Amino acid sequence: MIIHADVRSLYGWALSATSTDADLERDYGGANARVICCGHYHEAYVREWRGVTLVNVASVSIPRDSQPLAGYTILDWDGAWRVAQYRVSYDPVAEERAFASSTIPRTAPG
C-alpha cells in the first residue's frame, strides 16, 4: 500500500522514529497490507509492526534533519520485501528556484 501520510488522511500523521504502538494503530491499524509506504514526515524510517513493514520513504527536499541531502527508498521483491534507503547530495537553492518557477500547486485541492 502506498499512501501520503496515514490510511485515513492525506495530511494526517505519518510514520516516524517517535511513533508509538498507539500511533501506529491509529494511523495504520486495519489496513490489511503487508507493506505500507508513506512520506509526509520527510524522515526515512523502517519499522516492523504486527507483521507489517512500515516504511517512511523520506523526501527529495525539506528533510527533517535539515541536511541538504535528498532521501529516497527502493523496495525490492525476491520472495520477500527488501527495503534500502539512501541519501544523496543536491542543491537546495536550485531546487527552490525550480519549484518557485514551476506550475506545481502550492496548496492541496479542496
PDB file of N, CA and C in Angstrom:
ATOM      1  N   MET A   1       0.852  -1.160   0.000  1.00  0.00           N
ATOM      2  CA  MET A   1       0.000   0.000   0.000  1.00  0.00           C
ATOM      3  C   MET A   1       0.906   1.234   0.000  1.00  0.00           C
ATOM      4  N   ILE A   2       0.585   2.183  -0.841  1.00  0.00           N
ATOM      5  CA  ILE A   2       1.331   3.438  -0.897  1.00  0.00           C
ATOM      6  C   ILE A   2       0.367   4.577  -0.577  1.00  0.00           C
ATOM      7  N   ILE A   3       0.732   5.358   0.432  1.00  0.00           N
ATOM      8  CA  ILE A   3      -0.112   6.459   0.882  1.00  0.00           C
ATOM      9  C   ILE A   3       0.766   7.678   1.143  1.00  0.00           C
ATOM     10  N   HIS A   4       0.156   8.812   1.338  1.00  0.00           N
ATOM     11  CA  HIS A   4       0.946  10.009   1.646  1.00  0.00           C
ATOM     12  C   HIS A   4       1.270  10.100   3.139  1.00  0.00           C
ATOM     13  N   ALA A   5       0.285   9.987   3.994  1.00  0.00           N
ATOM     14  CA  ALA A   5       0.516  10.160   5.437  1.00  0.00           C
ATOM     15  C   ALA A   5       0.047   8.922   6.202  1.00  0.00           C
ATOM     16  N   ASP A   6      -1.241   8.803   6.409  1.00  0.00           N
ATOM     17  CA  ASP A   6      -1.773   7.611   7.060  1.00  0.00           C
ATOM     18  C   ASP A   6      -2.941   7.088   6.233  1.00  0.00           C
ATOM     19  N   VAL A   7      -3.490   5.953   6.620  1.00  0.00           N
ATOM     20  CA  VAL A   7      -4.508   5.309   5.784  1.00  0.00           C
ATOM     21  C   VAL A   7      -5.852   6.024   5.796  1.00  0.00           C
ATOM     22  N   ARG A   8      -6.027   6.978   6.686  1.00  0.00           N
ATOM     23  CA  ARG A   8      -7.312   7.675   6.780  1.00  0.00           C
ATOM     24  C   ARG A   8      -7.251   9.132   6.343  1.00  0.00           C
ATOM     25  N   SER A   9      -6.041   9.664   6.180  1.00  0.00           N
ATOM     26  CA  SER A   9      -5.928  11.086   5.888  1.00  0.00           C
ATOM     27  C   SER A   9      -4.688  11.382   5.048  1.00  0.00           C
ATOM     28  N   LEU A  10      -4.869  12.191   4.044  1.00  0.00           N
ATOM     29  CA  LEU A  10      -3.752  12.624   3.218  1.00  0.00           C
ATOM     30  C   LEU A  10      -2.778  13.489   3.999  1.00  0.00           C
ATOM     31  N   TYR A  11      -3.289  14.229   4.980  1.00  0.00           N
ATOM     32  CA  TYR A  11      -2.458  15.163   5.731  1.00  0.00           C
ATOM     33  C   TYR A  11      -2.369  14.828   7.208  1.00  0.00           C
ATOM     34  N   GLY A  12      -2.680  13.595   7.561  1.00  0.00           N
ATOM     35  CA  GLY A  12      -2.632  13.187   8.955  1.00  0.00           C
ATOM     36  C   GLY A  12      -1.209  12.939   9.418  1.00  0.00           C
ATOM     37  N   TRP A  13      -1.088  12.078  10.396  1.00  0.00           N
ATOM     38  CA  TRP A  13       0.210  11.722  10.938  1.00  0.00           C
ATOM     39  C   TRP A  13       0.907  10.771   9.987  1.00  0.00           C
ATOM     40  N   ALA A  14       2.213  10.632  10.132  1.00  0.00           N
ATOM     41  CA  ALA A  14       2.965   9.677   9.331  1.00  0.00           C
ATOM     42  C   ALA A  14       4.021   9.016  10.196  1.00  0.00           C
ATOM     43  N   LEU A  15       4.429   7.859   9.776  1.00  0.00           N
ATOM     44  CA  LEU A  15       5.420   7.069  10.484  1.00  0.00           C
ATOM     45  C   LEU A  15       6.695   7.854  10.752  1.00  0.00           C
ATOM     46  N   SER A  16       7.161   7.803  12.000  1.00  0.00           N
ATOM     47  CA  SER A  16       8.443   8.412  12.354  1.00  0.00           C
ATOM     48  C   SER A  16       9.090   7.577  13.445  1.00  0.00           C
ATOM     49  N   ALA A  17      10.316   7.903  13.778  1.00  0.00           N
ATOM     50  CA  ALA A  17      11.042   7.176  14.817  1.00  0.00           C
ATOM     51  C   ALA A  17      10.381   7.316  16.179  1.00  0.00           C
ATOM     52  N   THR A  18       9.548   8.322  16.365  1.00  0.00           N
ATOM     53  CA  THR A  18       8.887   8.534  17.651  1.00  0.00           C
ATOM     54  C   THR A  18       7.467   7.969  17.696  1.00  0.00           C
ATOM     55  N   SER A  19       7.019   7.318  16.626  1.00  0.00           N
ATOM     56  CA  SER A  19       5.665   6.750  16.602  1.00  0.00           C
ATOM     57  C   SER A  19       5.535   5.649  17.648  1.00  0.00           C
ATOM     58  N   THR A  20       4.501   5.741  18.450  1.00  0.00           N
ATOM     59  CA  THR A  20       4.225   4.717  19.458  1.00  0.00           C
ATOM     60  C   THR A  20       3.331   3.638  18.847  1.00  0.00           C
ATOM     61  N   ASP A  21       3.171   2.522  19.553  1.00  0.00           N
ATOM     62  CA  ASP A  21       2.238   1.496  19.080  1.00  0.00           C
ATOM     63  C   ASP A  21       0.829   2.051  18.946  1.00  0.00           C
ATOM     64  N   ALA A  22       0.429   2.924  19.854  1.00  0.00           N
ATOM     65  CA  ALA A  22      -0.895   3.548  19.772  1.00  0.00           C
ATOM     66  C   ALA A  22      -0.998   4.421  18.521  1.00  0.00           C
ATOM     67  N   ASP A  23       0.062   5.159  18.187  1.00  0.00           N
ATOM     68  CA  ASP A  23       0.080   5.969  16.961  1.00  0.00           C
ATOM     69  C   ASP A  23      -0.085   5.074  15.741  1.00  0.00           C
ATOM     70  N   LEU A  24       0.648   3.968  15.720  1.00  0.00           N
ATOM     71  CA  LEU A  24       0.597   3.071  14.568  1.00  0.00           C
ATOM     72  C   LEU A  24      -0.773   2.434  14.422  1.00  0.00           C
ATOM     73  N   GLU A  25      -1.391   2.081  15.531  1.00  0.00           N
ATOM     74  CA  GLU A  25      -2.745   1.532  15.477  1.00  0.00           C
ATOM     75  C   GLU A  25      -3.707   2.558  14.899  1.00  0.00           C
ATOM     76  N   ARG A  26      -3.613   3.801  15.364  1.00  0.00           N
ATOM     77  CA  ARG A  26      -4.478   4.873  14.862  1.00  0.00           C
ATOM     78  C   ARG A  26      -4.251   5.113  13.367  1.00  0.00           C
ATOM     79  N   ASP A  27      -2.994   5.127  12.953  1.00  0.00           N
ATOM     80  CA  ASP A  27      -2.657   5.538  11.588  1.00  0.00           C
ATOM     81  C   ASP A  27      -2.701   4.411  10.561  1.00  0.00           C
ATOM     82  N   TYR A  28      -2.378   3.171  10.979  1.00  0.00           N
ATOM     83  CA  TYR A  28      -2.239   2.080  10.013  1.00  0.00           C
ATOM     84  C   TYR A  28      -3.010   0.820  10.387  1.00  0.00           C
ATOM     85  N   GLY A  29      -3.629   0.800  11.563  1.00  0.00           N
ATOM     86  CA  GLY A  29      -4.381  -0.368  12.006  1.00  0.00           C
ATOM     87  C   GLY A  29      -5.506  -0.714  11.048  1.00  0.00           C
ATOM     88  N   GLY A  30      -5.671  -1.993  10.778  1.00  0.00           N
ATOM     89  CA  GLY A  30      -6.745  -2.462   9.910  1.00  0.00           C
ATOM     90  C   GLY A  30      -6.498  -2.242   8.427  1.00  0.00           C
ATOM     91  N   ALA A  31      -5.304  -1.877   8.048  1.00  0.00           N
ATOM     92  CA  ALA A  31      -5.035  -1.577   6.637  1.00  0.00           C
ATOM     93  C   ALA A  31      -5.002  -2.811   5.754  1.00  0.00           C
ATOM     94  N   ASN A  32      -4.812  -3.998   6.336  1.00  0.00           N
ATOM     95  CA  ASN A  32      -4.782  -5.235   5.570  1.00  0.00           C
ATOM     96  C   ASN A  32      -3.740  -5.195   4.451  1.00  0.00           C
ATOM     97  N   ALA A  33      -2.520  -4.818   4.811  1.00  0.00           N
ATOM     98  CA  ALA A  33      -1.418  -4.759   3.852  1.00  0.00           C
ATOM     99  C   ALA A  33      -0.175  -5.343   4.503  1.00  0.00           C
ATOM    100  N   ARG A  34       0.675  -5.951   3.718  1.00  0.00           N
ATOM    101  CA  ARG A  34       1.940  -6.495   4.237  1.00  0.00           C
ATOM    102  C   ARG A  34       3.006  -5.409   4.344  1.00  0.00           C
ATOM    103  N   VAL A  35       2.959  -4.430   3.419  1.00  0.00           N
ATOM    104  CA  VAL A  35       3.900  -3.306   3.405  1.00  0.00           C
ATOM    105  C   VAL A  35       3.096  -2.029   3.220  1.00  0.00           C
ATOM    106  N   ILE A  36       3.395  -1.015   4.036  1.00  0.00           N
ATOM    107  CA  ILE A  36       2.762   0.296   3.879  1.00  0.00           C
ATOM    108  C   ILE A  36       3.881   1.314   3.742  1.00  0.00           C
ATOM    109  N   CYS A  37       3.860   2.046   2.628  1.00  0.00           N
ATOM    110  CA  CYS A  37       4.849   3.097   2.381  1.00  0.00           C
ATOM    111  C   CYS A  37       4.166   4.452   2.461  1.00  0.00           C
ATOM    112  N   CYS A  38       4.791   5.362   3.204  1.00  0.00           N
ATOM    113  CA  CYS A  38       4.251   6.702   3.337  1.00  0.00           C
ATOM    114  C   CYS A  38       5.381   7.712   3.202  1.00  0.00           C
ATOM    115  N   GLY A  39       5.035   8.961   3.239  1.00  0.00           N
ATOM    116  CA  GLY A  39       6.004  10.047   3.193  1.00  0.00           C
ATOM    117  C   GLY A  39       5.591  11.066   4.233  1.00  0.00           C
ATOM    118  N   HIS A  40       5.228  12.223   3.808  1.00  0.00           N
ATOM    119  CA  HIS A  40       4.659  13.304   4.603  1.00  0.00           C
ATOM    120  C   HIS A  40       5.576  13.836   5.708  1.00  0.00           C
ATOM    121  N   TYR A  41       6.205  12.942   6.489  1.00  0.00           N
ATOM    122  CA  TYR A  41       7.029  13.391   7.598  1.00  0.00           C
ATOM    123  C   TYR A  41       8.459  13.722   7.176  1.00  0.00           C
ATOM    124  N   HIS A  42       8.859  13.332   5.981  1.00  0.00           N
ATOM    125  CA  HIS A  42      10.177  13.664   5.411  1.00  0.00           C
ATOM    126  C   HIS A  42      11.332  13.113   6.244  1.00  0.00           C
ATOM    127  N   GLU A  43      11.164  11.897   6.738  1.00  0.00           N
ATOM    128  CA  GLU A  43      12.217  11.252   7.514  1.00  0.00           C
ATOM    129  C   GLU A  43      12.243   9.771   7.152  1.00  0.00           C
ATOM    130  N   ALA A  44      13.356   9.317   6.574  1.00  0.00           N
ATOM    131  CA  ALA A  44      13.483   7.899   6.220  1.00  0.00           C
ATOM    132  C   ALA A  44      13.408   7.048   7.491  1.00  0.00           C
ATOM    133  N   TYR A  45      12.586   6.012   7.431  1.00  0.00           N
ATOM    134  CA  TYR A  45      12.426   5.164   8.599  1.00  0.00           C
ATOM    135  C   TYR A  45      11.737   3.873   8.187  1.00  0.00           C
ATOM    136  N   VAL A  46      12.157   2.761   8.785  1.00  0.00           N
ATOM    137  CA  VAL A  46      11.532   1.462   8.543  1.00  0.00           C
ATOM    138  C   VAL A  46      11.258   0.821   9.894  1.00  0.00           C
ATOM    139  N   ARG A  47      10.079   0.225  10.006  1.00  0.00           N
ATOM    140  CA  ARG A  47       9.720  -0.443  11.264  1.00  0.00           C
ATOM    141  C   ARG A  47       8.807  -1.620  10.972  1.00  0.00           C
ATOM    142  N   GLU A  48       9.068  -2.725  11.627  1.00  0.00           N
ATOM    143  CA  GLU A  48       8.161  -3.867  11.576  1.00  0.00           C
ATOM    144  C   GLU A  48       7.152  -3.692  12.708  1.00  0.00           C
ATOM    145  N   TRP A  49       5.898  -3.915  12.389  1.00  0.00           N
ATOM    146  CA  TRP A  49       4.832  -3.748  13.380  1.00  0.00           C
ATOM    147  C   TRP A  49       3.708  -4.723  13.067  1.00  0.00           C
ATOM    148  N   ARG A  50       3.474  -5.637  13.956  1.00  0.00           N
ATOM    149  CA  ARG A  50       2.377  -6.600  13.823  1.00  0.00           C
ATOM    150  C   ARG A  50       2.384  -7.314  12.473  1.00  0.00           C
ATOM    151  N   GLY A  51       3.560  -7.691  12.008  1.00  0.00           N
ATOM    152  CA  GLY A  51       3.677  -8.394  10.733  1.00  0.00           C
ATOM    153  C   GLY A  51       3.608  -7.499   9.511  1.00  0.00           C
ATOM    154  N   VAL A  52       3.611  -6.199   9.723  1.00  0.00           N
ATOM    155  CA  VAL A  52       3.563  -5.234   8.622  1.00  0.00           C
ATOM    156  C   VAL A  52       4.886  -4.476   8.584  1.00  0.00           C
ATOM    157  N   THR A  53       5.434  -4.323   7.390  1.00  0.00           N
ATOM    158  CA  THR A  53       6.613  -3.485   7.230  1.00  0.00           C
ATOM    159  C   THR A  53       6.131  -2.077   6.923  1.00  0.00           C
ATOM    160  N   LEU A  54       6.421  -1.144   7.827  1.00  0.00           N
ATOM    161  CA  LEU A  54       6.052   0.261   7.656  1.00  0.00           C
ATOM    162  C   LEU A  54       7.288   1.003   7.176  1.00  0.00           C
ATOM    163  N   VAL A  55       7.131   1.782   6.111  1.00  0.00           N
ATOM    164  CA  VAL A  55       8.271   2.479   5.507  1.00  0.00           C
ATOM    165  C   VAL A  55       7.919   3.940   5.276  1.00  0.00           C
ATOM    166  N   ASN A  56       8.665   4.838   5.903  1.00  0.00           N
ATOM    167  CA  ASN A  56       8.581   6.243   5.529  1.00  0.00           C
ATOM    168  C   ASN A  56       9.671   6.416   4.489  1.00  0.00           C
ATOM    169  N   VAL A  57       9.298   6.749   3.269  1.00  0.00           N
ATOM    170  CA  VAL A  57      10.225   6.728   2.139  1.00  0.00           C
ATOM    171  C   VAL A  57      11.163   7.928   2.079  1.00  0.00           C
ATOM    172  N   ALA A  58      10.994   8.885   2.967  1.00  0.00           N
ATOM    173  CA  ALA A  58      11.855  10.080   3.064  1.00  0.00           C
ATOM    174  C   ALA A  58      11.339  11.170   2.149  1.00  0.00           C
ATOM    175  N   SER A  59      12.235  12.028   1.702  1.00  0.00           N
ATOM    176  CA  SER A  59      11.840  13.187   0.922  1.00  0.00           C
ATOM    177  C   SER A  59      12.991  13.650   0.051  1.00  0.00           C
ATOM    178  N   VAL A  60      12.650  14.063  -1.144  1.00  0.00           N
ATOM    179  CA  VAL A  60      13.674  14.625  -2.021  1.00  0.00           C
ATOM    180  C   VAL A  60      14.110  15.987  -1.505  1.00  0.00           C
ATOM    181  N   SER A  61      13.221  16.695  -0.839  1.00  0.00           N
ATOM    182  CA  SER A  61      13.577  18.006  -0.299  1.00  0.00           C
ATOM    183  C   SER A  61      12.952  18.174   1.092  1.00  0.00           C
ATOM    184  N   ILE A  62      13.339  19.217   1.756  1.00  0.00           N
ATOM    185  CA  ILE A  62      12.860  19.570   3.092  1.00  0.00           C
ATOM    186  C   ILE A  62      13.042  18.409   4.086  1.00  0.00           C
ATOM    187  N   PRO A  63      14.251  17.844   4.188  1.00  0.00           N
ATOM    188  CA  PRO A  63      14.459  16.759   5.142  1.00  0.00           C
ATOM    189  C   PRO A  63      14.319  17.236   6.583  1.00  0.00           C
ATOM    190  N   ARG A  64      13.804  16.391   7.449  1.00  0.00           N
ATOM    191  CA  ARG A  64      13.576  16.743   8.858  1.00  0.00           C
ATOM    192  C   ARG A  64      14.863  17.087   9.596  1.00  0.00           C
ATOM    193  N   ASP A  65      15.997  16.507   9.164  1.00  0.00           N
ATOM    194  CA  ASP A  65      17.256  16.779   9.860  1.00  0.00           C
ATOM    195  C   ASP A  65      17.997  17.996   9.307  1.00  0.00           C
ATOM    196  N   SER A  66      17.392  18.712   8.361  1.00  0.00           N
ATOM    197  CA  SER A  66      17.938  19.948   7.772  1.00  0.00           C
ATOM    198  C   SER A  66      19.255  19.761   7.032  1.00  0.00           C
ATOM    199  N   GLN A  67      19.657  18.535   6.791  1.00  0.00           N
ATOM    200  CA  GLN A  67      20.852  18.286   5.990  1.00  0.00           C
ATOM    201  C   GLN A  67      20.478  18.408   4.518  1.00  0.00           C
ATOM    202  N   PRO A  68      21.327  19.055   3.706  1.00  0.00           N
ATOM    203  CA  PRO A  68      20.990  19.223   2.289  1.00  0.00           C
ATOM    204  C   PRO A  68      21.213  17.929   1.500  1.00  0.00           C
ATOM    205  N   LEU A  69      20.492  16.892   1.906  1.00  0.00           N
ATOM    206  CA  LEU A  69      20.582  15.588   1.255  1.00  0.00           C
ATOM    207  C   LEU A  69      19.177  15.111   0.923  1.00  0.00           C
ATOM    208  N   ALA A  70      18.978  14.728  -0.324  1.00  0.00           N
ATOM    209  CA  ALA A  70      17.699  14.153  -0.722  1.00  0.00           C
ATOM    210  C   ALA A  70      17.648  12.715  -0.235  1.00  0.00           C
ATOM    211  N   GLY A  71      16.485  12.279   0.169  1.00  0.00           N
ATOM    212  CA  GLY A  71      16.314  10.903   0.604  1.00  0.00           C
ATOM    213  C   GLY A  71      15.390  10.160  -0.339  1.00  0.00           C
ATOM    214  N   TYR A  72      15.672   8.887  -0.536  1.00  0.00           N
ATOM    215  CA  TYR A  72      14.763   8.058  -1.321  1.00  0.00           C
ATOM    216  C   TYR A  72      14.880   6.612  -0.858  1.00  0.00           C
ATOM    217  N   THR A  73      13.889   5.827  -1.221  1.00  0.00           N
ATOM    218  CA  THR A  73      13.788   4.440  -0.787  1.00  0.00           C
ATOM    219  C   THR A  73      13.520   3.559  -1.985  1.00  0.00           C
ATOM    220  N   ILE A  74      14.151   2.398  -1.988  1.00  0.00           N
ATOM    221  CA  ILE A  74      13.894   1.384  -3.014  1.00  0.00           C
ATOM    222  C   ILE A  74      13.420   0.124  -2.314  1.00  0.00           C
ATOM    223  N   LEU A  75      12.272  -0.383  -2.745  1.00  0.00           N
ATOM    224  CA  LEU A  75      11.779  -1.666  -2.280  1.00  0.00           C
ATOM    225  C   LEU A  75      11.999  -2.681  -3.383  1.00  0.00           C
ATOM    226  N   ASP A  76      12.493  -3.854  -3.007  1.00  0.00           N
ATOM    227  CA  ASP A  76      12.799  -4.901  -3.975  1.00  0.00           C
ATOM    228  C   ASP A  76      12.169  -6.198  -3.493  1.00  0.00           C
ATOM    229  N   TRP A  77      11.594  -6.946  -4.423  1.00  0.00           N
ATOM    230  CA  TRP A  77      10.944  -8.202  -4.087  1.00  0.00           C
ATOM    231  C   TRP A  77      11.745  -9.356  -4.662  1.00  0.00           C
ATOM    232  N   ASP A  78      12.148 -10.285  -3.799  1.00  0.00           N
ATOM    233  CA  ASP A  78      12.798 -11.520  -4.258  1.00  0.00           C
ATOM    234  C   ASP A  78      12.257 -12.700  -3.454  1.00  0.00           C
ATOM    235  N   GLY A  79      10.952 -12.708  -3.266  1.00  0.00           N
ATOM    236  CA  GLY A  79      10.299 -13.683  -2.412  1.00  0.00           C
ATOM    237  C   GLY A  79       9.967 -13.088  -1.052  1.00  0.00           C
ATOM    238  N   ALA A  80      10.628 -11.998  -0.718  1.00  0.00           N
ATOM    239  CA  ALA A  80      10.366 -11.204   0.482  1.00  0.00           C
ATOM    240  C   ALA A  80      10.743  -9.768   0.137  1.00  0.00           C
ATOM    241  N   TRP A  81      10.133  -8.821   0.812  1.00  0.00           N
ATOM    242  CA  TRP A  81      10.449  -7.416   0.556  1.00  0.00           C
ATOM    243  C   TRP A  81      11.774  -7.047   1.209  1.00  0.00           C
ATOM    244  N   ARG A  82      12.612  -6.363   0.452  1.00  0.00           N
ATOM    245  CA  ARG A  82      13.837  -5.762   0.993  1.00  0.00           C
ATOM    246  C   ARG A  82      13.704  -4.264   0.812  1.00  0.00           C
ATOM    247  N   VAL A  83      14.092  -3.520   1.836  1.00  0.00           N
ATOM    248  CA  VAL A  83      13.983  -2.061   1.831  1.00  0.00           C
ATOM    249  C   VAL A  83      15.386  -1.482   1.946  1.00  0.00           C
ATOM    250  N   ALA A  84      15.733  -0.590   1.031  1.00  0.00           N
ATOM    251  CA  ALA A  84      17.018   0.118   1.096  1.00  0.00           C
ATOM    252  C   ALA A  84      16.736   1.615   1.030  1.00  0.00           C
ATOM    253  N   GLN A  85      17.352   2.357   1.930  1.00  0.00           N
ATOM    254  CA  GLN A  85      17.148   3.802   1.973  1.00  0.00           C
ATOM    255  C   GLN A  85      18.473   4.509   1.747  1.00  0.00           C
ATOM    256  N   TYR A  86      18.419   5.609   0.979  1.00  0.00           N
ATOM    257  CA  TYR A  86      19.623   6.316   0.562  1.00  0.00           C
ATOM    258  C   TYR A  86      19.477   7.819   0.776  1.00  0.00           C
ATOM    259  N   ARG A  87      20.612   8.488   0.901  1.00  0.00           N
ATOM    260  CA  ARG A  87      20.673   9.950   0.936  1.00  0.00           C
ATOM    261  C   ARG A  87      21.731  10.367  -0.085  1.00  0.00           C
ATOM    262  N   VAL A  88      21.417  11.375  -0.875  1.00  0.00           N
ATOM    263  CA  VAL A  88      22.346  11.899  -1.870  1.00  0.00           C
ATOM    264  C   VAL A  88      22.332  13.419  -1.821  1.00  0.00           C
ATOM    265  N   SER A  89      23.445  14.021  -2.190  1.00  0.00           N
ATOM    266  CA  SER A  89      23.516  15.482  -2.154  1.00  0.00           C
ATOM    267  C   SER A  89      22.706  16.087  -3.299  1.00  0.00           C
ATOM    268  N   TYR A  90      22.252  17.280  -3.085  1.00  0.00           N
ATOM    269  CA  TYR A  90      21.552  18.058  -4.094  1.00  0.00           C
ATOM    270  C   TYR A  90      21.702  19.522  -3.728  1.00  0.00           C
ATOM    271  N   ASP A  91      21.359  20.395  -4.644  1.00  0.00           N
ATOM    272  CA  ASP A  91      21.478  21.827  -4.425  1.00  0.00           C
ATOM    273  C   ASP A  91      20.114  22.374  -4.009  1.00  0.00           C
ATOM    274  N   PRO A  92      19.901  22.647  -2.719  1.00  0.00           N
ATOM    275  CA  PRO A  92      18.576  23.099  -2.279  1.00  0.00           C
ATOM    276  C   PRO A  92      18.188  24.463  -2.846  1.00  0.00           C
ATOM    277  N   VAL A  93      19.149  25.324  -3.123  1.00  0.00           N
ATOM    278  CA  VAL A  93      18.829  26.635  -3.706  1.00  0.00           C
ATOM    279  C   VAL A  93      18.292  26.452  -5.121  1.00  0.00           C
ATOM    280  N   ALA A  94      18.954  25.627  -5.910  1.00  0.00           N
ATOM    281  CA  ALA A  94      18.482  25.355  -7.272  1.00  0.00           C
ATOM    282  C   ALA A  94      17.125  24.661  -7.241  1.00  0.00           C
ATOM    283  N   GLU A  95      16.928  23.767  -6.269  1.00  0.00           N
ATOM    284  CA  GLU A  95      15.647  23.077  -6.144  1.00  0.00           C
ATOM    285  C   GLU A  95      14.537  24.075  -5.816  1.00  0.00           C
ATOM    286  N   GLU A  96      14.796  25.017  -4.930  1.00  0.00           N
ATOM    287  CA  GLU A  96      13.800  26.026  -4.575  1.00  0.00           C
ATOM    288  C   GLU A  96      13.478  26.916  -5.769  1.00  0.00           C
ATOM    289  N   ARG A  97      14.485  27.300  -6.527  1.00  0.00           N
ATOM    290  CA  ARG A  97      14.246  28.106  -7.738  1.00  0.00           C
ATOM    291  C   ARG A  97      13.378  27.343  -8.730  1.00  0.00           C
ATOM    292  N   ALA A  98      13.678  26.069  -8.918  1.00  0.00           N
ATOM    293  CA  ALA A  98      12.898  25.252  -9.851  1.00  0.00           C
ATOM    294  C   ALA A  98      11.455  25.126  -9.368  1.00  0.00           C
ATOM    295  N   PHE A  99      11.271  24.937  -8.074  1.00  0.00           N
ATOM    296  CA  PHE A  99       9.919  24.842  -7.515  1.00  0.00           C
ATOM    297  C   PHE A  99       9.165  26.158  -7.694  1.00  0.00           C
ATOM    298  N   ALA A 100       9.828  27.258  -7.393  1.00  0.00           N
ATOM    299  CA  ALA A 100       9.187  28.578  -7.490  1.00  0.00           C
ATOM    300  C   ALA A 100       8.737  28.891  -8.915  1.00  0.00           C
ATOM    301  N   SER A 101       9.484  28.426  -9.892  1.00  0.00           N
ATOM    302  CA  SER A 101       9.140  28.726 -11.285  1.00  0.00           C
ATOM    303  C   SER A 101       8.249  27.654 -11.919  1.00  0.00           C
ATOM    304  N   SER A 102       7.885  26.627 -11.144  1.00  0.00           N
ATOM    305  CA  SER A 102       7.071  25.541 -11.688  1.00  0.00           C
ATOM    306  C   SER A 102       5.583  25.864 -11.571  1.00  0.00           C
ATOM    307  N   THR A 103       4.782  24.984 -12.124  1.00  0.00           N
ATOM    308  CA  THR A 103       3.328  25.111 -12.005  1.00  0.00           C
ATOM    309  C   THR A 103       2.772  24.140 -10.965  1.00  0.00           C
ATOM    310  N   ILE A 104       3.656  23.605 -10.111  1.00  0.00           N
ATOM    311  CA  ILE A 104       3.202  22.705  -9.055  1.00  0.00           C
ATOM    312  C   ILE A 104       2.316  23.495  -8.085  1.00  0.00           C
ATOM    313  N   PRO A 105       1.126  22.959  -7.762  1.00  0.00           N
ATOM    314  CA  PRO A 105       0.245  23.675  -6.828  1.00  0.00           C
ATOM    315  C   PRO A 105       0.922  23.890  -5.472  1.00  0.00           C
ATOM    316  N   ARG A 106       0.675  25.034  -4.872  1.00  0.00           N
ATOM    317  CA  ARG A 106       1.269  25.360  -3.568  1.00  0.00           C
ATOM    318  C   ARG A 106       0.392  24.899  -2.406  1.00  0.00           C
ATOM    319  N   THR A 107      -0.846  24.598  -2.677  1.00  0.00           N
ATOM    320  CA  THR A 107      -1.763  24.100  -1.644  1.00  0.00           C
ATOM    321  C   THR A 107      -2.517  22.900  -2.207  1.00  0.00           C
ATOM    322  N   ALA A 108      -3.073  22.128  -1.307  1.00  0.00           N
ATOM    323  CA  ALA A 108      -3.836  20.959  -1.717  1.00  0.00           C
ATOM    324  C   ALA A 108      -5.212  21.381  -2.203  1.00  0.00           C
ATOM    325  N   PRO A 109      -5.755  20.652  -3.184  1.00  0.00           N
ATOM    326  CA  PRO A 109      -7.104  20.964  -3.655  1.00  0.00           C
ATOM    327  C   PRO A 109      -8.126  20.680  -2.554  1.00  0.00           C
ATOM    328  N   GLY A 110      -9.226  21.403  -2.630  1.00  0.00           N
ATOM    329  CA  GLY A 110     -10.319  21.121  -1.719  1.00  0.00           C
ATOM    330  C   GLY A 110     -10.417  22.084  -0.667  1.00  0.00           C
TER     331      GLY A 110
END
